[in-house]
Amino acid sequence: MTRIAKLLNTLLLLIFVAVNANGSSTLTVTAPGLEPLALEPAAQVGGISWYDATKLFEPFLERVEFIPEEGRLNFSDGQRWGAISGEAPYTMVDGRPLEVKHPPIFFEGKLLVSEDFIRDTAQAIIQRELTTSISREERGLVVVIDPAYGGSSSGPKGYKPQEAKALTLSLARSLAERLGEGGYLVLLTRDGDENKSALDRATIANRREADLFLRIDLIGEERREARGFEIFYPAPPKEGTSPNAWRGGQAALYEQSHLWAEILERALASSLAVMDRGILPVSSPLLSALNVPAATLYVGNISWPQEADLFTNEADKKMLVETLFRAIDEYLSKGRE
């Protein structure tokens, strides 16, 4: 069980609430080796006492960063990362959403959480730790889908007003649903409008020991002449690069990533009525940080109507999702032979 899970297990057992004369509740949290933390409610909203999330987490975690303009609190225990958002009905831990009864709220410049939120989150994380501690053979195959962009990074512009960050996320969600129907376990590097660093995205796949990674990206007006789809896979590592280091993780996986890119290209070329721009090895902070067979797919150029329809036309999008599913299934089936 990770340190965050252990911490929240402690919080689950050692949360005390005292109802004050004015009807508000003082929250007291204790943990071994630390002074008890007493928090007065920052607000009373909807008949619930709400507490400042930053003040709650700072004494217990190595890194707590509140981003007021985004209404989000990032936190880390040195091994795993998480985020609490006032705009979504869940908290994110290790890139996966945890649904809670009372979502956080963004109120008067602060991110606030309820007592129920703390308890619900602790219980959900502990349950997840139990389910993810089983062997790889027992858990099934894990696929990580990485929708490009997010947050302040909206991506390239197309001929329609839709933002690229929304298009990549929509396709990733549809593909995740199809993969789930096919019996795969699926993680999204983001499931909302947030932008993560290359290392954060790689961490999600590496920590979960994923079996395959696919980044979904787009081309737009900035490269209007570049029509069609193209696929990047990690370049061969430099001689002497340690396969045990994250930044050299692809040293032991180069051939597998190359095979994955080839299978993906064949599937798309046989199904899509767009130009095949081929596959190309590239060095990038994301691909080189992954300890999993990986590829980046630029699906098409959204500045051209025919290629934008792959995202905006439901029939075309369904065909694309099915094509990607078949490619993933073929690659992972080869890996099981």
C-alpha atoms as a PDB file:
ATOM      1  CA  MET A   1       0.000   0.000   0.000  1.00  0.00           C
ATOM      2  CA  THR A   2       1.451   3.388  -0.955  1.00  0.00           C
ATOM      3  CA  ARG A   3       2.119   6.245   1.440  1.00  0.00           C
ATOM      4  CA  ILE A   4      -0.916   8.192   0.240  1.00  0.00           C
ATOM      5  CA  ALA A   5      -3.140   5.195   0.888  1.00  0.00           C
ATOM      6  CA  LYS A   6      -1.569   4.666   4.308  1.00  0.00           C
ATOM      7  CA  LEU A   7      -1.996   8.339   5.103  1.00  0.00           C
ATOM      8  CA  LEU A   8      -5.637   8.355   4.100  1.00  0.00           C
ATOM      9  CA  ASN A   9      -6.184   5.128   5.992  1.00  0.00           C
ATOM     10  CA  THR A  10      -4.927   6.974   9.065  1.00  0.00           C
ATOM     11  CA  LEU A  11      -7.163   9.926   8.295  1.00  0.00           C
ATOM     12  CA  LEU A  12     -10.087   7.567   7.924  1.00  0.00           C
ATOM     13  CA  LEU A  13      -9.560   6.195  11.407  1.00  0.00           C
ATOM     14  CA  LEU A  14      -8.555   9.384  13.181  1.00  0.00           C
ATOM     15  CA  ILE A  15     -10.945  12.101  12.064  1.00  0.00           C
ATOM     16  CA  PHE A  16     -12.847  13.720  14.877  1.00  0.00           C
ATOM     17  CA  VAL A  17     -15.593  16.269  14.453  1.00  0.00           C
ATOM     18  CA  ALA A  18     -16.904  18.492  17.236  1.00  0.00           C
ATOM     19  CA  VAL A  19     -20.084  20.445  16.635  1.00  0.00           C
ATOM     20  CA  ASN A  20     -19.737  23.994  17.925  1.00  0.00           C
ATOM     21  CA  ALA A  21     -22.437  26.066  19.565  1.00  0.00           C
ATOM     22  CA  ASN A  22     -22.999  27.984  16.327  1.00  0.00           C
ATOM     23  CA  GLY A  23     -23.666  24.758  14.439  1.00  0.00           C
ATOM     24  CA  SER A  24     -20.296  24.607  12.660  1.00  0.00           C
ATOM     25  CA  SER A  25     -17.931  21.653  13.054  1.00  0.00           C
ATOM     26  CA  THR A  26     -14.281  21.676  14.113  1.00  0.00           C
ATOM     27  CA  LEU A  27     -12.353  18.970  12.268  1.00  0.00           C
ATOM     28  CA  THR A  28      -9.434  17.342  14.100  1.00  0.00           C
ATOM     29  CA  VAL A  29      -7.065  15.017  12.265  1.00  0.00           C
ATOM     30  CA  THR A  30      -4.304  13.090  13.993  1.00  0.00           C
ATOM     31  CA  ALA A  31      -1.540  10.914  12.576  1.00  0.00           C
ATOM     32  CA  PRO A  32       1.388   9.068  14.211  1.00  0.00           C
ATOM     33  CA  GLY A  33       4.354  11.348  14.926  1.00  0.00           C
ATOM     34  CA  LEU A  34       2.466  14.543  14.139  1.00  0.00           C
ATOM     35  CA  GLU A  35       0.703  17.099  16.243  1.00  0.00           C
ATOM     36  CA  PRO A  36      -3.093  16.951  15.959  1.00  0.00           C
ATOM     37  CA  LEU A  37      -4.408  19.254  13.277  1.00  0.00           C
ATOM     38  CA  ALA A  38      -7.554  21.205  14.143  1.00  0.00           C
ATOM     39  CA  LEU A  39      -9.400  22.981  11.369  1.00  0.00           C
ATOM     40  CA  GLU A  40     -12.280  25.368  11.688  1.00  0.00           C
ATOM     41  CA  PRO A  41     -14.715  25.382   8.770  1.00  0.00           C
ATOM     42  CA  ALA A  42     -13.807  27.859   6.062  1.00  0.00           C
ATOM     43  CA  ALA A  43     -17.458  28.079   5.021  1.00  0.00           C
ATOM     44  CA  GLN A  44     -20.939  26.724   5.615  1.00  0.00           C
ATOM     45  CA  VAL A  45     -22.558  25.911   2.266  1.00  0.00           C
ATOM     46  CA  GLY A  46     -25.651  23.800   1.694  1.00  0.00           C
ATOM     47  CA  GLY A  47     -25.825  22.869   5.367  1.00  0.00           C
ATOM     48  CA  ILE A  48     -22.350  21.294   5.211  1.00  0.00           C
ATOM     49  CA  SER A  49     -19.117  22.368   6.905  1.00  0.00           C
ATOM     50  CA  TRP A  50     -16.332  22.877   4.362  1.00  0.00           C
ATOM     51  CA  TYR A  51     -12.600  22.877   5.146  1.00  0.00           C
ATOM     52  CA  ASP A  52      -9.601  24.415   3.392  1.00  0.00           C
ATOM     53  CA  ALA A  53      -8.025  21.559   1.400  1.00  0.00           C
ATOM     54  CA  THR A  54      -4.580  23.174   1.347  1.00  0.00           C
ATOM     55  CA  LYS A  55      -4.414  23.471   5.143  1.00  0.00           C
ATOM     56  CA  LEU A  56      -5.645  19.902   5.491  1.00  0.00           C
ATOM     57  CA  PHE A  57      -3.028  18.250   3.271  1.00  0.00           C
ATOM     58  CA  GLU A  58       0.075  20.408   3.814  1.00  0.00           C
ATOM     59  CA  PRO A  59       1.175  18.811   7.134  1.00  0.00           C
ATOM     60  CA  PHE A  60       1.021  15.284   5.726  1.00  0.00           C
ATOM     61  CA  LEU A  61       2.318  15.360   2.136  1.00  0.00           C
ATOM     62  CA  GLU A  62       5.653  16.314   0.593  1.00  0.00           C
ATOM     63  CA  ARG A  63       4.204  18.590  -2.065  1.00  0.00           C
ATOM     64  CA  VAL A  64       0.955  20.535  -1.980  1.00  0.00           C
ATOM     65  CA  GLU A  65       0.349  23.166  -4.630  1.00  0.00           C
ATOM     66  CA  PHE A  66      -2.877  25.142  -4.946  1.00  0.00           C
ATOM     67  CA  ILE A  67      -3.585  26.768  -8.321  1.00  0.00           C
ATOM     68  CA  PRO A  68      -6.303  29.378  -7.673  1.00  0.00           C
ATOM     69  CA  GLU A  69      -6.921  30.280 -11.304  1.00  0.00           C
ATOM     70  CA  GLU A  70      -7.763  26.647 -12.055  1.00  0.00           C
ATOM     71  CA  GLY A  71      -9.452  25.825  -8.755  1.00  0.00           C
ATOM     72  CA  ARG A  72      -7.227  22.770  -8.377  1.00  0.00           C
ATOM     73  CA  LEU A  73      -4.991  21.375  -5.656  1.00  0.00           C
ATOM     74  CA  ASN A  74      -2.067  19.166  -6.737  1.00  0.00           C
ATOM     75  CA  PHE A  75      -0.400  16.914  -4.196  1.00  0.00           C
ATOM     76  CA  SER A  76       2.289  14.241  -4.039  1.00  0.00           C
ATOM     77  CA  ASP A  77       3.837  11.912  -1.484  1.00  0.00           C
ATOM     78  CA  GLY A  78       7.000  11.406  -3.542  1.00  0.00           C
ATOM     79  CA  GLN A  79       5.679   8.232  -5.154  1.00  0.00           C
ATOM     80  CA  ARG A  80       2.243   9.085  -6.454  1.00  0.00           C
ATOM     81  CA  TRP A  81       0.511  12.252  -7.515  1.00  0.00           C
ATOM     82  CA  GLY A  82      -3.043  13.432  -7.236  1.00  0.00           C
ATOM     83  CA  ALA A  83      -5.285  16.400  -7.805  1.00  0.00           C
ATOM     84  CA  ILE A  84      -8.499  17.697  -6.310  1.00  0.00           C
ATOM     85  CA  SER A  85     -10.643  19.905  -8.493  1.00  0.00           C
ATOM     86  CA  GLY A  86     -13.551  22.149  -7.634  1.00  0.00           C
ATOM     87  CA  GLU A  87     -14.909  21.744 -11.160  1.00  0.00           C
ATOM     88  CA  ALA A  88     -15.314  17.970 -11.365  1.00  0.00           C
ATOM     89  CA  PRO A  89     -17.261  15.462  -9.208  1.00  0.00           C
ATOM     90  CA  TYR A  90     -14.181  13.460  -8.323  1.00  0.00           C
ATOM     91  CA  THR A  91     -10.633  13.614  -7.095  1.00  0.00           C
ATOM     92  CA  MET A  92      -7.786  12.303  -9.242  1.00  0.00           C
ATOM     93  CA  VAL A  93      -5.182   9.950  -7.796  1.00  0.00           C
ATOM     94  CA  ASP A  94      -2.534   8.453 -10.079  1.00  0.00           C
ATOM     95  CA  GLY A  95      -4.461   9.746 -13.051  1.00  0.00           C
ATOM     96  CA  ARG A  96      -7.685   7.948 -12.242  1.00  0.00           C
ATOM     97  CA  PRO A  97     -10.926   9.491 -10.993  1.00  0.00           C
ATOM     98  CA  LEU A  98     -12.415   8.583  -7.622  1.00  0.00           C
ATOM     99  CA  GLU A  99     -16.087   9.418  -7.358  1.00  0.00           C
ATOM    100  CA  VAL A 100     -17.157  10.982  -4.073  1.00  0.00           C
ATOM    101  CA  LYS A 101     -20.454  11.892  -2.431  1.00  0.00           C
ATOM    102  CA  HIS A 102     -19.698  15.577  -1.925  1.00  0.00           C
ATOM    103  CA  PRO A 103     -17.360  16.962  -4.601  1.00  0.00           C
ATOM    104  CA  PRO A 104     -14.940  19.750  -3.640  1.00  0.00           C
ATOM    105  CA  ILE A 105     -16.113  23.309  -4.105  1.00  0.00           C
ATOM    106  CA  PHE A 106     -14.215  26.433  -5.126  1.00  0.00           C
ATOM    107  CA  PHE A 107     -15.418  29.163  -2.777  1.00  0.00           C
ATOM    108  CA  GLU A 108     -14.037  32.668  -2.213  1.00  0.00           C
ATOM    109  CA  GLY A 109     -10.674  31.805  -3.745  1.00  0.00           C
ATOM    110  CA  LYS A 110     -10.208  28.566  -1.804  1.00  0.00           C
ATOM    111  CA  LEU A 111     -10.671  24.906  -2.610  1.00  0.00           C
ATOM    112  CA  LEU A 112     -12.862  23.402   0.092  1.00  0.00           C
ATOM    113  CA  VAL A 113     -13.610  19.794   1.013  1.00  0.00           C
ATOM    114  CA  SER A 114     -16.126  18.221   3.355  1.00  0.00           C
ATOM    115  CA  GLU A 115     -15.620  15.600   6.035  1.00  0.00           C
ATOM    116  CA  ASP A 116     -17.491  13.103   3.859  1.00  0.00           C
ATOM    117  CA  PHE A 117     -15.149  13.884   0.979  1.00  0.00           C
ATOM    118  CA  ILE A 118     -12.100  12.968   3.085  1.00  0.00           C
ATOM    119  CA  ARG A 119     -13.649   9.725   4.278  1.00  0.00           C
ATOM    120  CA  ASP A 120     -15.001   8.733   0.856  1.00  0.00           C
ATOM    121  CA  THR A 121     -11.664   9.434  -0.824  1.00  0.00           C
ATOM    122  CA  ALA A 122      -9.762   7.430   1.772  1.00  0.00           C
ATOM    123  CA  GLN A 123     -12.061   4.449   1.396  1.00  0.00           C
ATOM    124  CA  ALA A 124     -11.905   4.546  -2.405  1.00  0.00           C
ATOM    125  CA  ILE A 125      -8.106   4.752  -2.501  1.00  0.00           C
ATOM    126  CA  ILE A 126      -7.702   1.918  -0.032  1.00  0.00           C
ATOM    127  CA  GLN A 127     -10.069  -0.247  -2.088  1.00  0.00           C
ATOM    128  CA  ARG A 128      -8.128   0.609  -5.244  1.00  0.00           C
ATOM    129  CA  GLU A 129      -4.852  -0.316  -3.552  1.00  0.00           C
ATOM    130  CA  LEU A 130      -6.292  -3.735  -2.773  1.00  0.00           C
ATOM    131  CA  THR A 131      -7.473  -4.294  -6.339  1.00  0.00           C
ATOM    132  CA  THR A 132      -4.224  -3.099  -7.949  1.00  0.00           C
ATOM    133  CA  SER A 133      -1.916  -5.137  -5.709  1.00  0.00           C
ATOM    134  CA  ILE A 134      -2.860  -8.374  -7.500  1.00  0.00           C
ATOM    135  CA  SER A 135      -0.539  -9.909 -10.052  1.00  0.00           C
ATOM    136  CA  ARG A 136      -0.433  -8.762 -13.666  1.00  0.00           C
ATOM    137  CA  GLU A 137      -1.792 -12.153 -14.752  1.00  0.00           C
ATOM    138  CA  GLU A 138      -4.803 -11.764 -12.470  1.00  0.00           C
ATOM    139  CA  ARG A 139      -5.570  -8.131 -13.244  1.00  0.00           C
ATOM    140  CA  GLY A 140      -5.681  -8.374 -17.064  1.00  0.00           C
ATOM    141  CA  LEU A 141      -4.003  -6.213 -19.701  1.00  0.00           C
ATOM    142  CA  VAL A 142      -3.738  -2.476 -19.067  1.00  0.00           C
ATOM    143  CA  VAL A 143      -3.885   0.114 -21.854  1.00  0.00           C
ATOM    144  CA  VAL A 144      -3.091   3.783 -21.226  1.00  0.00           C
ATOM    145  CA  ILE A 145      -4.650   6.360 -23.557  1.00  0.00           C
ATOM    146  CA  ASP A 146      -3.129   9.837 -23.505  1.00  0.00           C
ATOM    147  CA  PRO A 147      -5.350  12.595 -24.958  1.00  0.00           C
ATOM    148  CA  ALA A 148      -3.027  15.431 -25.961  1.00  0.00           C
ATOM    149  CA  TYR A 149      -3.287  18.996 -24.645  1.00  0.00           C
ATOM    150  CA  GLY A 150      -5.650  20.203 -21.910  1.00  0.00           C
ATOM    151  CA  GLY A 151      -5.911  23.214 -19.651  1.00  0.00           C
ATOM    152  CA  SER A 152      -4.236  26.289 -21.106  1.00  0.00           C
ATOM    153  CA  SER A 153      -2.882  24.154 -23.971  1.00  0.00           C
ATOM    154  CA  SER A 154      -5.827  24.005 -26.375  1.00  0.00           C
ATOM    155  CA  GLY A 155      -3.885  22.480 -29.282  1.00  0.00           C
ATOM    156  CA  PRO A 156      -3.871  23.282 -33.008  1.00  0.00           C
ATOM    157  CA  LYS A 157      -6.769  25.083 -34.672  1.00  0.00           C
ATOM    158  CA  GLY A 158      -9.052  23.505 -37.245  1.00  0.00           C
ATOM    159  CA  TYR A 159     -11.648  24.693 -39.695  1.00  0.00           C
ATOM    160  CA  LYS A 160     -14.372  24.223 -37.056  1.00  0.00           C
ATOM    161  CA  PRO A 161     -14.459  26.025 -33.692  1.00  0.00           C
ATOM    162  CA  GLN A 162     -13.956  22.882 -31.583  1.00  0.00           C
ATOM    163  CA  GLU A 163     -10.742  22.921 -29.580  1.00  0.00           C
ATOM    164  CA  ALA A 164      -8.250  20.152 -30.227  1.00  0.00           C
ATOM    165  CA  LYS A 165      -7.994  19.378 -26.509  1.00  0.00           C
ATOM    166  CA  ALA A 166     -11.719  18.546 -26.443  1.00  0.00           C
ATOM    167  CA  LEU A 167     -11.508  16.433 -29.604  1.00  0.00           C
ATOM    168  CA  THR A 168      -8.624  14.296 -28.334  1.00  0.00           C
ATOM    169  CA  LEU A 169     -10.372  13.749 -24.998  1.00  0.00           C
ATOM    170  CA  SER A 170     -13.650  12.788 -26.651  1.00  0.00           C
ATOM    171  CA  LEU A 171     -11.910  10.231 -28.866  1.00  0.00           C
ATOM    172  CA  ALA A 172      -9.918   8.874 -25.907  1.00  0.00           C
ATOM    173  CA  ARG A 173     -13.083   8.380 -23.870  1.00  0.00           C
ATOM    174  CA  SER A 174     -14.825   6.582 -26.732  1.00  0.00           C
ATOM    175  CA  LEU A 175     -11.816   4.326 -27.263  1.00  0.00           C
ATOM    176  CA  ALA A 176     -11.576   3.622 -23.529  1.00  0.00           C
ATOM    177  CA  GLU A 177     -15.215   2.548 -23.511  1.00  0.00           C
ATOM    178  CA  ARG A 178     -14.659   0.216 -26.469  1.00  0.00           C
ATOM    179  CA  LEU A 179     -11.553  -1.289 -24.891  1.00  0.00           C
ATOM    180  CA  GLY A 180     -13.461  -1.843 -21.667  1.00  0.00           C
ATOM    181  CA  GLU A 181     -16.097  -3.754 -23.614  1.00  0.00           C
ATOM    182  CA  GLY A 182     -13.260  -5.860 -25.013  1.00  0.00           C
ATOM    183  CA  GLY A 183     -12.064  -6.838 -21.549  1.00  0.00           C
ATOM    184  CA  TYR A 184      -9.117  -4.464 -21.198  1.00  0.00           C
ATOM    185  CA  LEU A 185      -8.349  -2.258 -18.214  1.00  0.00           C
ATOM    186  CA  VAL A 186      -7.992   1.320 -19.420  1.00  0.00           C
ATOM    187  CA  LEU A 187      -6.406   4.402 -17.874  1.00  0.00           C
ATOM    188  CA  LEU A 188      -6.687   7.920 -19.265  1.00  0.00           C
ATOM    189  CA  THR A 189      -3.844  10.301 -18.480  1.00  0.00           C
ATOM    190  CA  ARG A 190      -6.491  12.988 -18.148  1.00  0.00           C
ATOM    191  CA  ASP A 191     -10.264  12.812 -17.972  1.00  0.00           C
ATOM    192  CA  GLY A 192     -10.921  16.534 -17.752  1.00  0.00           C
ATOM    193  CA  ASP A 193      -9.607  19.874 -18.923  1.00  0.00           C
ATOM    194  CA  GLU A 194      -6.185  19.765 -17.329  1.00  0.00           C
ATOM    195  CA  ASN A 195      -2.734  19.714 -18.877  1.00  0.00           C
ATOM    196  CA  LYS A 196      -0.065  17.439 -17.479  1.00  0.00           C
ATOM    197  CA  SER A 197       3.650  17.363 -18.038  1.00  0.00           C
ATOM    198  CA  ALA A 198       5.253  14.598 -20.066  1.00  0.00           C
ATOM    199  CA  LEU A 199       6.622  13.073 -16.866  1.00  0.00           C
ATOM    200  CA  ASP A 200       3.201  13.100 -15.193  1.00  0.00           C
ATOM    201  CA  ARG A 201       1.695  11.313 -18.191  1.00  0.00           C
ATOM    202  CA  ALA A 202       4.497   8.741 -18.257  1.00  0.00           C
ATOM    203  CA  THR A 203       4.185   8.198 -14.513  1.00  0.00           C
ATOM    204  CA  ILE A 204       0.607   7.003 -14.902  1.00  0.00           C
ATOM    205  CA  ALA A 205       1.661   4.240 -17.302  1.00  0.00           C
ATOM    206  CA  ASN A 206       4.864   3.326 -15.479  1.00  0.00           C
ATOM    207  CA  ARG A 207       3.317   3.112 -12.009  1.00  0.00           C
ATOM    208  CA  ARG A 208       0.538   0.871 -13.275  1.00  0.00           C
ATOM    209  CA  GLU A 209       2.960  -1.305 -15.264  1.00  0.00           C
ATOM    210  CA  ALA A 210       0.784  -0.821 -18.334  1.00  0.00           C
ATOM    211  CA  ASP A 211       1.019  -3.154 -21.301  1.00  0.00           C
ATOM    212  CA  LEU A 212       0.533  -0.522 -24.014  1.00  0.00           C
ATOM    213  CA  PHE A 213       0.495   3.269 -24.397  1.00  0.00           C
ATOM    214  CA  LEU A 214      -1.182   5.344 -27.104  1.00  0.00           C
ATOM    215  CA  ARG A 215      -1.072   9.124 -27.307  1.00  0.00           C
ATOM    216  CA  ILE A 216      -3.794  10.714 -29.427  1.00  0.00           C
ATOM    217  CA  ASP A 217      -2.750  13.966 -31.099  1.00  0.00           C
ATOM    218  CA  LEU A 218      -3.807  16.182 -34.008  1.00  0.00           C
ATOM    219  CA  ILE A 219      -2.403  18.343 -36.776  1.00  0.00           C
ATOM    220  CA  GLY A 220      -3.988  21.719 -37.532  1.00  0.00           C
ATOM    221  CA  GLU A 221      -3.644  25.011 -39.366  1.00  0.00           C
ATOM    222  CA  GLU A 222      -0.052  25.429 -38.237  1.00  0.00           C
ATOM    223  CA  ARG A 223       0.845  22.512 -40.552  1.00  0.00           C
ATOM    224  CA  ARG A 224      -1.984  22.801 -43.047  1.00  0.00           C
ATOM    225  CA  GLU A 225       0.037  21.131 -45.794  1.00  0.00           C
ATOM    226  CA  ALA A 226       0.529  17.991 -43.667  1.00  0.00           C
ATOM    227  CA  ARG A 227      -2.561  15.978 -44.524  1.00  0.00           C
ATOM    228  CA  GLY A 228      -3.222  12.455 -43.316  1.00  0.00           C
ATOM    229  CA  PHE A 229      -2.179  10.469 -40.257  1.00  0.00           C
ATOM    230  CA  GLU A 230       1.320   9.855 -38.969  1.00  0.00           C
ATOM    231  CA  ILE A 231       2.719   7.765 -36.156  1.00  0.00           C
ATOM    232  CA  PHE A 232       5.756   8.402 -33.977  1.00  0.00           C
ATOM    233  CA  TYR A 233       7.450   5.774 -31.872  1.00  0.00           C
ATOM    234  CA  PRO A 234      10.481   6.108 -29.568  1.00  0.00           C
ATOM    235  CA  ALA A 235      13.829   6.489 -31.296  1.00  0.00           C
ATOM    236  CA  PRO A 236      16.505   3.872 -30.589  1.00  0.00           C
ATOM    237  CA  PRO A 237      18.176   4.655 -27.263  1.00  0.00           C
ATOM    238  CA  LYS A 238      21.743   5.852 -27.147  1.00  0.00           C
ATOM    239  CA  GLU A 239      24.347   3.184 -26.602  1.00  0.00           C
ATOM    240  CA  GLY A 240      24.810   2.468 -22.923  1.00  0.00           C
ATOM    241  CA  THR A 241      21.440   3.860 -21.858  1.00  0.00           C
ATOM    242  CA  SER A 242      20.143   1.969 -18.845  1.00  0.00           C
ATOM    243  CA  PRO A 243      16.746   0.339 -19.441  1.00  0.00           C
ATOM    244  CA  ASN A 244      16.094   0.640 -15.705  1.00  0.00           C
ATOM    245  CA  ALA A 245      16.009   4.439 -15.822  1.00  0.00           C
ATOM    246  CA  TRP A 246      12.714   6.039 -16.817  1.00  0.00           C
ATOM    247  CA  ARG A 247      14.393   8.342 -19.311  1.00  0.00           C
ATOM    248  CA  GLY A 248      16.021   5.305 -20.828  1.00  0.00           C
ATOM    249  CA  GLY A 249      12.994   3.107 -20.358  1.00  0.00           C
ATOM    250  CA  GLN A 250      12.526   2.505 -24.063  1.00  0.00           C
ATOM    251  CA  ALA A 251      16.013   0.976 -24.314  1.00  0.00           C
ATOM    252  CA  ALA A 252      14.526  -2.450 -23.661  1.00  0.00           C
ATOM    253  CA  LEU A 253      11.300  -1.750 -25.544  1.00  0.00           C
ATOM    254  CA  TYR A 254      12.370  -0.242 -28.851  1.00  0.00           C
ATOM    255  CA  GLU A 255      11.473  -3.282 -30.978  1.00  0.00           C
ATOM    256  CA  GLN A 256       8.108  -3.677 -29.258  1.00  0.00           C
ATOM    257  CA  SER A 257       7.244  -0.020 -29.821  1.00  0.00           C
ATOM    258  CA  HIS A 258       8.295  -0.343 -33.466  1.00  0.00           C
ATOM    259  CA  LEU A 259       6.011  -3.359 -33.887  1.00  0.00           C
ATOM    260  CA  TRP A 260       3.154  -1.503 -32.206  1.00  0.00           C
ATOM    261  CA  ALA A 261       3.591   1.444 -34.595  1.00  0.00           C
ATOM    262  CA  GLU A 262       3.605  -0.895 -37.614  1.00  0.00           C
ATOM    263  CA  ILE A 263       0.415  -2.659 -36.547  1.00  0.00           C
ATOM    264  CA  LEU A 264      -1.272   0.668 -35.892  1.00  0.00           C
ATOM    265  CA  GLU A 265      -0.244   1.996 -39.299  1.00  0.00           C
ATOM    266  CA  ARG A 266      -1.551  -1.062 -41.164  1.00  0.00           C
ATOM    267  CA  ALA A 267      -4.890  -0.907 -39.401  1.00  0.00           C
ATOM    268  CA  LEU A 268      -5.402   2.789 -40.112  1.00  0.00           C
ATOM    269  CA  ALA A 269      -4.184   2.590 -43.711  1.00  0.00           C
ATOM    270  CA  SER A 270      -6.677  -0.165 -44.481  1.00  0.00           C
ATOM    271  CA  SER A 271      -9.628   1.653 -42.904  1.00  0.00           C
ATOM    272  CA  LEU A 272      -9.224   5.417 -43.305  1.00  0.00           C
ATOM    273  CA  ALA A 273      -9.634   7.315 -46.553  1.00  0.00           C
ATOM    274  CA  VAL A 274      -6.795   9.683 -45.636  1.00  0.00           C
ATOM    275  CA  MET A 275      -3.124   9.805 -46.531  1.00  0.00           C
ATOM    276  CA  ASP A 276      -0.709   7.515 -44.724  1.00  0.00           C
ATOM    277  CA  ARG A 277       2.301   9.638 -43.754  1.00  0.00           C
ATOM    278  CA  GLY A 278       4.080   6.624 -42.314  1.00  0.00           C
ATOM    279  CA  ILE A 279       5.820   5.876 -39.036  1.00  0.00           C
ATOM    280  CA  LEU A 280       8.865   7.673 -37.716  1.00  0.00           C
ATOM    281  CA  PRO A 281      11.178   7.179 -34.719  1.00  0.00           C
ATOM    282  CA  VAL A 282      11.466  10.347 -32.640  1.00  0.00           C
ATOM    283  CA  SER A 283      13.052  11.411 -29.383  1.00  0.00           C
ATOM    284  CA  SER A 284      10.582  13.111 -27.075  1.00  0.00           C
ATOM    285  CA  PRO A 285      10.389  13.655 -23.298  1.00  0.00           C
ATOM    286  CA  LEU A 286       7.187  11.620 -23.138  1.00  0.00           C
ATOM    287  CA  LEU A 287       8.066   8.609 -25.280  1.00  0.00           C
ATOM    288  CA  SER A 288      11.552   8.208 -23.845  1.00  0.00           C
ATOM    289  CA  ALA A 289      10.212   8.323 -20.273  1.00  0.00           C
ATOM    290  CA  LEU A 290       7.894   5.363 -20.745  1.00  0.00           C
ATOM    291  CA  ASN A 291       8.591   1.810 -19.587  1.00  0.00           C
ATOM    292  CA  VAL A 292       5.903   0.443 -21.899  1.00  0.00           C
ATOM    293  CA  PRO A 293       5.533  -0.093 -25.676  1.00  0.00           C
ATOM    294  CA  ALA A 294       4.342   3.286 -26.905  1.00  0.00           C
ATOM    295  CA  ALA A 295       3.338   5.342 -29.916  1.00  0.00           C
ATOM    296  CA  THR A 296       1.979   8.805 -30.652  1.00  0.00           C
ATOM    297  CA  LEU A 297      -0.745   8.930 -33.290  1.00  0.00           C
ATOM    298  CA  TYR A 298      -1.463  12.164 -35.148  1.00  0.00           C
ATOM    299  CA  VAL A 299      -4.891  11.121 -36.361  1.00  0.00           C
ATOM    300  CA  GLY A 300      -5.321  13.756 -39.053  1.00  0.00           C
ATOM    301  CA  ASN A 301      -5.314  17.443 -39.919  1.00  0.00           C
ATOM    302  CA  ILE A 302      -8.415  19.143 -38.516  1.00  0.00           C
ATOM    303  CA  SER A 303      -7.935  22.143 -40.780  1.00  0.00           C
ATOM    304  CA  TRP A 304      -9.248  19.886 -43.584  1.00  0.00           C
ATOM    305  CA  PRO A 305     -12.983  19.006 -43.357  1.00  0.00           C
ATOM    306  CA  GLN A 306     -12.584  15.378 -44.429  1.00  0.00           C
ATOM    307  CA  GLU A 307     -10.090  14.662 -41.678  1.00  0.00           C
ATOM    308  CA  ALA A 308     -11.881  16.746 -39.052  1.00  0.00           C
ATOM    309  CA  ASP A 309     -14.936  14.553 -39.649  1.00  0.00           C
ATOM    310  CA  LEU A 310     -13.056  11.670 -38.047  1.00  0.00           C
ATOM    311  CA  PHE A 311     -13.732  13.488 -34.781  1.00  0.00           C
ATOM    312  CA  THR A 312     -16.980  15.345 -35.423  1.00  0.00           C
ATOM    313  CA  ASN A 313     -18.975  12.890 -37.561  1.00  0.00           C
ATOM    314  CA  GLU A 314     -20.326  10.104 -35.364  1.00  0.00           C
ATOM    315  CA  ALA A 315     -20.154   7.407 -38.049  1.00  0.00           C
ATOM    316  CA  ASP A 316     -16.564   8.303 -38.959  1.00  0.00           C
ATOM    317  CA  LYS A 317     -15.580   8.525 -35.306  1.00  0.00           C
ATOM    318  CA  LYS A 318     -17.091   5.112 -34.566  1.00  0.00           C
ATOM    319  CA  MET A 319     -15.140   3.598 -37.459  1.00  0.00           C
ATOM    320  CA  LEU A 320     -11.927   5.200 -36.172  1.00  0.00           C
ATOM    321  CA  VAL A 321     -12.513   3.898 -32.652  1.00  0.00           C
ATOM    322  CA  GLU A 322     -13.134   0.383 -33.960  1.00  0.00           C
ATOM    323  CA  THR A 323      -9.967   0.559 -36.069  1.00  0.00           C
ATOM    324  CA  LEU A 324      -7.889   1.626 -33.074  1.00  0.00           C
ATOM    325  CA  PHE A 325      -9.448  -1.121 -30.979  1.00  0.00           C
ATOM    326  CA  ARG A 326      -8.539  -3.760 -33.580  1.00  0.00           C
ATOM    327  CA  ALA A 327      -4.953  -2.510 -33.732  1.00  0.00           C
ATOM    328  CA  ILE A 328      -4.576  -2.585 -29.955  1.00  0.00           C
ATOM    329  CA  ASP A 329      -6.183  -6.017 -29.766  1.00  0.00           C
ATOM    330  CA  GLU A 330      -3.902  -7.365 -32.502  1.00  0.00           C
ATOM    331  CA  TYR A 331      -0.755  -6.066 -30.829  1.00  0.00           C
ATOM    332  CA  LEU A 332      -1.668  -7.363 -27.381  1.00  0.00           C
ATOM    333  CA  SER A 333      -2.776 -10.698 -28.847  1.00  0.00           C
ATOM    334  CA  LYS A 334       0.667 -11.087 -30.451  1.00  0.00           C
ATOM    335  CA  GLY A 335       2.191 -10.357 -27.081  1.00  0.00           C
ATOM    336  CA  ARG A 336       0.204 -13.208 -25.538  1.00  0.00           C
ATOM    337  CA  GLU A 337       1.296 -15.778 -28.139  1.00  0.00           C
END
